[in-house]
Amino acid sequence: MDNNVPIMSELAAANKEPEILFWVGCAGSFDERYKSVTVAFAKILNKLKINYAVLGPEEACTGDPAKRAGNEFLFQMMAVNNIQLLNGYNIKKIVTACPHCFNTIKNEYPSLGGNYEVIHHSVFLQQLIDEGKIKLKEGGDFKGKKITYHDSCYLGRSNNIYEAPRKVLETLDAELIEMKRCRTKGLCCGAGGAQMFKEPEPGKKDVNVERTEEALNTGAEIIASACPFCMTMLSDGVKNKEKEQSVKVYDIAELIAKNENL
C-alpha cells in the first residue's frame, strides 16, 4: 500500500488540486501519542485512494487555544494567516481529526473570510462506511469487546455530533457501553477552555480522573475518543488509576485501521 502523504505545495506546483485537505492539527503533528492517529487516518485515506493533501510545514495552529484563553487579537492574527494560505490554494473541503480545529475553522473562520466545507473525521469515516468504501471484515480484532465512547465537548455540545462516532464503532461488531453521563450530558474531560495547557485549579478531584472513573465503571476494555485533548486527559486518568495494562484509549480512526490491519 502507498504510504506517501501528498503535500499541498507540491500538488500546487504540479498544477493539481486535492479534493480534500487533511488538516492535521498541532496534536496530530507534534504529540507523540496522537501522531499515531494521524498515521492511522492517512493509511485509511491512502487505502481508499482518496484525493487529499496536507499542508505539511505550512500548517499553523488554528488559534483555538489563544481564543479560548481570551487573546482575541492573537487568534485573529493566526486565523487570517491561515485563511490567506487556504484561500490561496483554493481549498474548498477540509477534514480534520481534531474537534477544536474543526469547531474553529467551521464556525469562527467564516466571519474572517474563510468559508469551507469542514468535516470531522468521525463524520467522514461514517460517510465512507455508509458509501461502502470501508467494508470492515467480520470477526475482526474488536468483535465482542467492550468499548465505551467519550463525547468531546467540541463535537457534541458545540456541534451536535453524537451519532457518527458511535456508528463507526458499531461497525466493529463490539459491545458499545455508554457511560452514565453521555451525549448532551457527557462530562468534559477537563481539557477545554485552554485548560489542557495548565495545571487544574485546586479541588477535591481532577476532572479527567472523575471522567475516567465513569469510563472504568462501565467495565470497558477500550475507551474510544475522537479528540486529541480528550485522549490525553483520559490516558492520564487511566494511568492515575493504574489501569493502563488492562484498559486502552484509542481514537476511532486507530480502531478502524487496526481492524483492517493497516
Protein backbone atom coordinates (compact mmCIF):
# COMPACT_ATOMS: atom_id res chain seq x y z
CA MET A 1 0.00 0.00 0.00
CA ASP A 2 1.22 3.52 -0.83
CA ASN A 3 2.04 5.33 2.44
CA ASN A 4 3.02 8.54 0.70
CA VAL A 5 1.27 11.64 2.09
CA PRO A 6 0.70 14.30 -0.59
CA ILE A 7 1.89 17.81 0.28
CA MET A 8 -0.28 20.73 -0.86
CA SER A 9 2.60 22.87 -2.12
CA GLU A 10 3.88 20.00 -4.27
CA LEU A 11 0.44 19.41 -5.78
CA ALA A 12 0.04 23.10 -6.49
CA ALA A 13 3.44 23.20 -8.19
CA ALA A 14 2.21 20.37 -10.41
CA ASN A 15 -1.00 22.35 -11.11
CA LYS A 16 -3.09 19.78 -9.23
CA GLU A 17 -5.84 20.32 -6.65
CA PRO A 18 -6.86 17.78 -3.99
CA GLU A 19 -10.49 17.05 -3.35
CA ILE A 20 -9.87 17.25 0.40
CA LEU A 21 -7.35 18.99 2.62
CA PHE A 22 -6.46 16.90 5.68
CA TRP A 23 -5.90 19.49 8.44
CA VAL A 24 -3.61 17.58 10.81
CA GLY A 25 -3.60 19.98 13.77
CA CYS A 26 -0.89 20.65 16.35
CA ALA A 27 -1.52 17.47 18.34
CA GLY A 28 -1.58 15.34 15.21
CA SER A 29 1.73 16.86 14.16
CA PHE A 30 3.70 17.06 17.40
CA ASP A 31 2.12 14.95 20.17
CA GLU A 32 3.93 11.61 20.22
CA ARG A 33 0.78 9.66 21.09
CA TYR A 34 -1.52 11.44 18.69
CA LYS A 35 0.86 11.14 15.75
CA SER A 36 -0.30 7.53 15.52
CA VAL A 37 -3.85 8.76 14.93
CA THR A 38 -2.62 10.92 12.06
CA VAL A 39 -0.81 7.92 10.59
CA ALA A 40 -3.87 5.69 11.01
CA PHE A 41 -6.16 8.17 9.28
CA ALA A 42 -3.66 8.75 6.46
CA LYS A 43 -3.43 4.99 5.92
CA ILE A 44 -7.21 4.81 5.59
CA LEU A 45 -7.19 7.69 3.07
CA ASN A 46 -4.39 6.05 1.09
CA LYS A 47 -6.05 2.63 1.07
CA LEU A 48 -9.23 4.17 -0.34
CA LYS A 49 -7.24 6.27 -2.82
CA ILE A 50 -8.85 9.47 -1.56
CA ASN A 51 -7.58 12.54 -3.42
CA TYR A 52 -6.20 14.52 -0.48
CA ALA A 53 -3.24 16.56 0.67
CA VAL A 54 -1.80 18.07 3.83
CA LEU A 55 -0.23 21.50 4.25
CA GLY A 56 2.85 20.00 5.87
CA PRO A 57 5.22 22.66 7.26
CA GLU A 58 2.85 25.39 6.04
CA GLU A 59 0.15 24.36 8.53
CA ALA A 60 -0.01 26.52 11.66
CA CYS A 61 -2.18 26.48 14.76
CA THR A 62 -5.80 27.49 14.11
CA GLY A 63 -5.62 29.94 17.02
CA ASP A 64 -8.14 27.99 19.10
CA PRO A 65 -6.08 27.93 22.33
CA ALA A 66 -5.44 31.68 22.07
CA LYS A 67 -9.14 32.40 21.62
CA ARG A 68 -10.24 30.15 24.49
CA ALA A 69 -7.62 31.78 26.72
CA GLY A 70 -9.07 35.19 25.88
CA ASN A 71 -6.48 36.54 23.44
CA GLU A 72 -8.77 37.52 20.56
CA PHE A 73 -6.11 39.67 18.88
CA LEU A 74 -3.66 36.76 18.64
CA PHE A 75 -6.43 34.43 17.47
CA GLN A 76 -7.41 36.75 14.61
CA MET A 77 -3.79 37.18 13.52
CA MET A 78 -3.33 33.40 13.34
CA ALA A 79 -6.71 32.80 11.71
CA VAL A 80 -6.20 35.41 8.99
CA ASN A 81 -2.78 33.97 8.12
CA ASN A 82 -4.32 30.51 7.79
CA ILE A 83 -7.24 31.80 5.73
CA GLN A 84 -4.92 33.58 3.30
CA LEU A 85 -3.00 30.33 2.85
CA LEU A 86 -6.11 28.18 2.40
CA ASN A 87 -7.76 30.64 0.01
CA GLY A 88 -4.52 30.91 -1.94
CA TYR A 89 -4.66 27.17 -2.54
CA ASN A 90 -8.38 27.40 -3.40
CA ILE A 91 -9.26 24.91 -0.66
CA LYS A 92 -12.96 24.02 -0.60
CA LYS A 93 -13.22 20.98 1.68
CA ILE A 94 -11.32 20.24 4.90
CA VAL A 95 -11.33 17.13 7.08
CA THR A 96 -9.67 17.05 10.50
CA ALA A 97 -9.42 14.62 13.41
CA CYS A 98 -9.32 17.46 15.97
CA PRO A 99 -12.70 18.79 17.21
CA HIS A 100 -11.00 22.02 18.34
CA CYS A 101 -9.64 22.68 14.84
CA PHE A 102 -12.96 21.53 13.37
CA ASN A 103 -15.00 23.93 15.51
CA THR A 104 -12.70 26.88 14.93
CA ILE A 105 -12.38 26.55 11.14
CA LYS A 106 -16.05 25.66 10.66
CA ASN A 107 -17.66 28.20 12.96
CA GLU A 108 -15.18 31.03 13.50
CA TYR A 109 -13.22 31.39 10.27
CA PRO A 110 -16.23 32.40 8.09
CA SER A 111 -16.52 35.83 9.76
CA LEU A 112 -12.86 36.43 8.85
CA GLY A 113 -13.22 35.37 5.21
CA GLY A 114 -12.58 31.63 5.49
CA ASN A 115 -15.53 29.69 4.08
CA TYR A 116 -15.01 25.94 3.67
CA GLU A 117 -16.88 22.69 3.99
CA VAL A 118 -15.37 21.34 7.21
CA ILE A 119 -15.87 17.71 8.25
CA HIS A 120 -14.71 15.95 11.39
CA HIS A 121 -13.05 12.62 10.70
CA SER A 122 -15.76 10.75 12.64
CA VAL A 123 -18.38 12.01 10.18
CA PHE A 124 -16.07 11.39 7.23
CA LEU A 125 -15.44 7.81 8.34
CA GLN A 126 -19.16 7.25 8.80
CA GLN A 127 -19.76 8.55 5.26
CA LEU A 128 -17.13 6.17 3.87
CA ILE A 129 -18.77 3.26 5.72
CA ASP A 130 -22.26 4.25 4.54
CA GLU A 131 -20.98 4.50 0.94
CA GLY A 132 -19.48 1.02 1.20
CA LYS A 133 -15.95 2.30 0.69
CA ILE A 134 -14.90 1.00 4.11
CA LYS A 135 -16.02 -2.60 4.46
CA LEU A 136 -14.96 -3.90 7.85
CA LYS A 137 -14.08 -7.55 7.96
CA GLU A 138 -16.28 -9.84 10.03
CA GLY A 139 -14.84 -11.27 13.21
CA GLY A 140 -12.23 -8.53 13.48
CA ASP A 141 -9.94 -7.77 16.39
CA PHE A 142 -12.64 -5.95 18.35
CA LYS A 143 -15.55 -8.36 17.89
CA GLY A 144 -17.38 -8.71 21.21
CA LYS A 145 -15.02 -6.41 23.10
CA LYS A 146 -16.50 -3.83 25.42
CA ILE A 147 -15.93 -0.27 24.23
CA THR A 148 -17.18 2.94 25.80
CA TYR A 149 -17.14 6.23 23.91
CA HIS A 150 -16.34 9.60 25.45
CA ASP A 151 -18.10 12.60 23.85
CA SER A 152 -15.82 15.52 23.04
CA CYS A 153 -17.38 18.85 24.05
CA TYR A 154 -16.46 20.49 20.74
CA LEU A 155 -18.01 17.66 18.77
CA GLY A 156 -21.07 17.09 20.94
CA ARG A 157 -22.35 20.14 22.73
CA SER A 158 -20.75 22.65 20.33
CA ASN A 159 -21.62 20.94 17.04
CA ASN A 160 -24.25 18.33 17.88
CA ILE A 161 -22.19 15.41 16.55
CA TYR A 162 -23.09 12.44 18.74
CA GLU A 163 -24.09 9.60 16.43
CA ALA A 164 -21.33 9.49 13.79
CA PRO A 165 -18.55 8.22 16.08
CA ARG A 166 -20.94 5.69 17.63
CA LYS A 167 -21.98 4.40 14.21
CA VAL A 168 -18.30 3.97 13.30
CA LEU A 169 -17.76 1.97 16.49
CA GLU A 170 -20.86 -0.15 15.84
CA THR A 171 -19.31 -1.45 12.63
CA LEU A 172 -16.51 -3.03 14.67
CA ASP A 173 -19.04 -5.54 15.97
CA ALA A 174 -18.01 -4.59 19.50
CA GLU A 175 -20.23 -4.13 22.56
CA LEU A 176 -20.71 -0.37 22.92
CA ILE A 177 -21.41 0.53 26.55
CA GLU A 178 -22.49 4.07 27.42
CA MET A 179 -21.24 5.92 30.45
CA LYS A 180 -23.87 7.25 32.84
CA ARG A 181 -23.19 10.77 31.61
CA CYS A 182 -23.10 10.74 27.80
CA ARG A 183 -24.21 12.68 24.72
CA THR A 184 -25.71 16.06 25.77
CA LYS A 185 -24.98 15.30 29.42
CA GLY A 186 -21.47 13.95 28.85
CA LEU A 187 -18.83 15.16 31.28
CA CYS A 188 -15.92 17.23 29.90
CA CYS A 189 -12.50 15.56 30.01
CA GLY A 190 -11.13 18.65 31.72
CA ALA A 191 -9.06 20.00 28.80
CA GLY A 192 -11.49 22.52 27.33
CA GLY A 193 -11.10 26.29 27.52
CA ALA A 194 -7.31 26.03 27.17
CA GLN A 195 -7.23 24.08 30.46
CA MET A 196 -5.19 21.48 28.57
CA PHE A 197 -2.12 23.69 28.91
CA LYS A 198 -2.20 24.48 32.62
CA GLU A 199 -2.47 22.81 35.97
CA PRO A 200 -6.07 22.38 37.22
CA GLU A 201 -7.46 24.67 39.88
CA PRO A 202 -7.26 23.23 43.42
CA GLY A 203 -10.17 20.94 44.21
CA LYS A 204 -11.15 17.56 45.60
CA LYS A 205 -10.60 15.66 42.33
CA ASP A 206 -9.28 16.41 38.84
CA VAL A 207 -11.97 16.38 36.14
CA ASN A 208 -10.14 13.84 33.98
CA VAL A 209 -9.94 11.43 36.92
CA GLU A 210 -13.67 11.81 37.55
CA ARG A 211 -14.39 11.12 33.88
CA THR A 212 -12.00 8.18 33.73
CA GLU A 213 -13.69 6.62 36.76
CA GLU A 214 -17.00 6.82 34.89
CA ALA A 215 -15.41 5.09 31.90
CA LEU A 216 -13.83 2.36 34.04
CA ASN A 217 -17.14 1.75 35.82
CA THR A 218 -18.61 0.53 32.53
CA GLY A 219 -16.20 -2.41 32.54
CA ALA A 220 -14.99 -1.48 29.06
CA GLU A 221 -11.62 -2.70 27.84
CA ILE A 222 -11.32 0.21 25.44
CA ILE A 223 -12.13 3.89 25.90
CA ALA A 224 -12.74 5.39 22.46
CA SER A 225 -12.34 9.07 21.77
CA ALA A 226 -12.32 11.34 18.74
CA CYS A 227 -10.27 14.25 20.08
CA PRO A 228 -6.56 14.62 20.88
CA PHE A 229 -7.23 16.62 24.04
CA CYS A 230 -9.70 14.02 25.35
CA MET A 231 -7.26 11.22 24.52
CA THR A 232 -4.50 12.85 26.57
CA MET A 233 -6.75 13.56 29.56
CA LEU A 234 -8.30 10.09 29.57
CA SER A 235 -4.93 8.38 29.10
CA ASP A 236 -3.61 10.33 32.08
CA GLY A 237 -6.71 9.32 34.03
CA VAL A 238 -6.17 5.64 33.22
CA LYS A 239 -2.57 5.94 34.40
CA ASN A 240 -3.76 7.67 37.59
CA LYS A 241 -5.98 4.65 38.29
CA GLU A 242 -3.10 2.28 37.35
CA LYS A 243 -5.22 0.56 34.71
CA GLU A 244 -3.04 1.15 31.65
CA GLN A 245 -2.28 -2.56 31.28
CA SER A 246 -5.94 -3.60 31.11
CA VAL A 247 -7.68 -0.55 29.60
CA LYS A 248 -6.59 1.17 26.39
CA VAL A 249 -7.53 4.57 25.00
CA TYR A 250 -7.86 4.71 21.21
CA ASP A 251 -9.08 7.15 18.61
CA ILE A 252 -11.81 5.80 16.35
CA ALA A 253 -9.51 6.06 13.31
CA GLU A 254 -6.97 3.86 15.06
CA LEU A 255 -9.67 1.26 15.75
CA ILE A 256 -10.71 1.20 12.09
CA ALA A 257 -7.10 0.98 10.93
CA LYS A 258 -6.27 -1.80 13.42
CA ASN A 259 -9.36 -3.75 12.42
CA GLU A 260 -8.24 -3.56 8.79
CA ASN A 261 -4.62 -4.43 9.64
CA LEU A 262 -3.42 -1.14 8.15
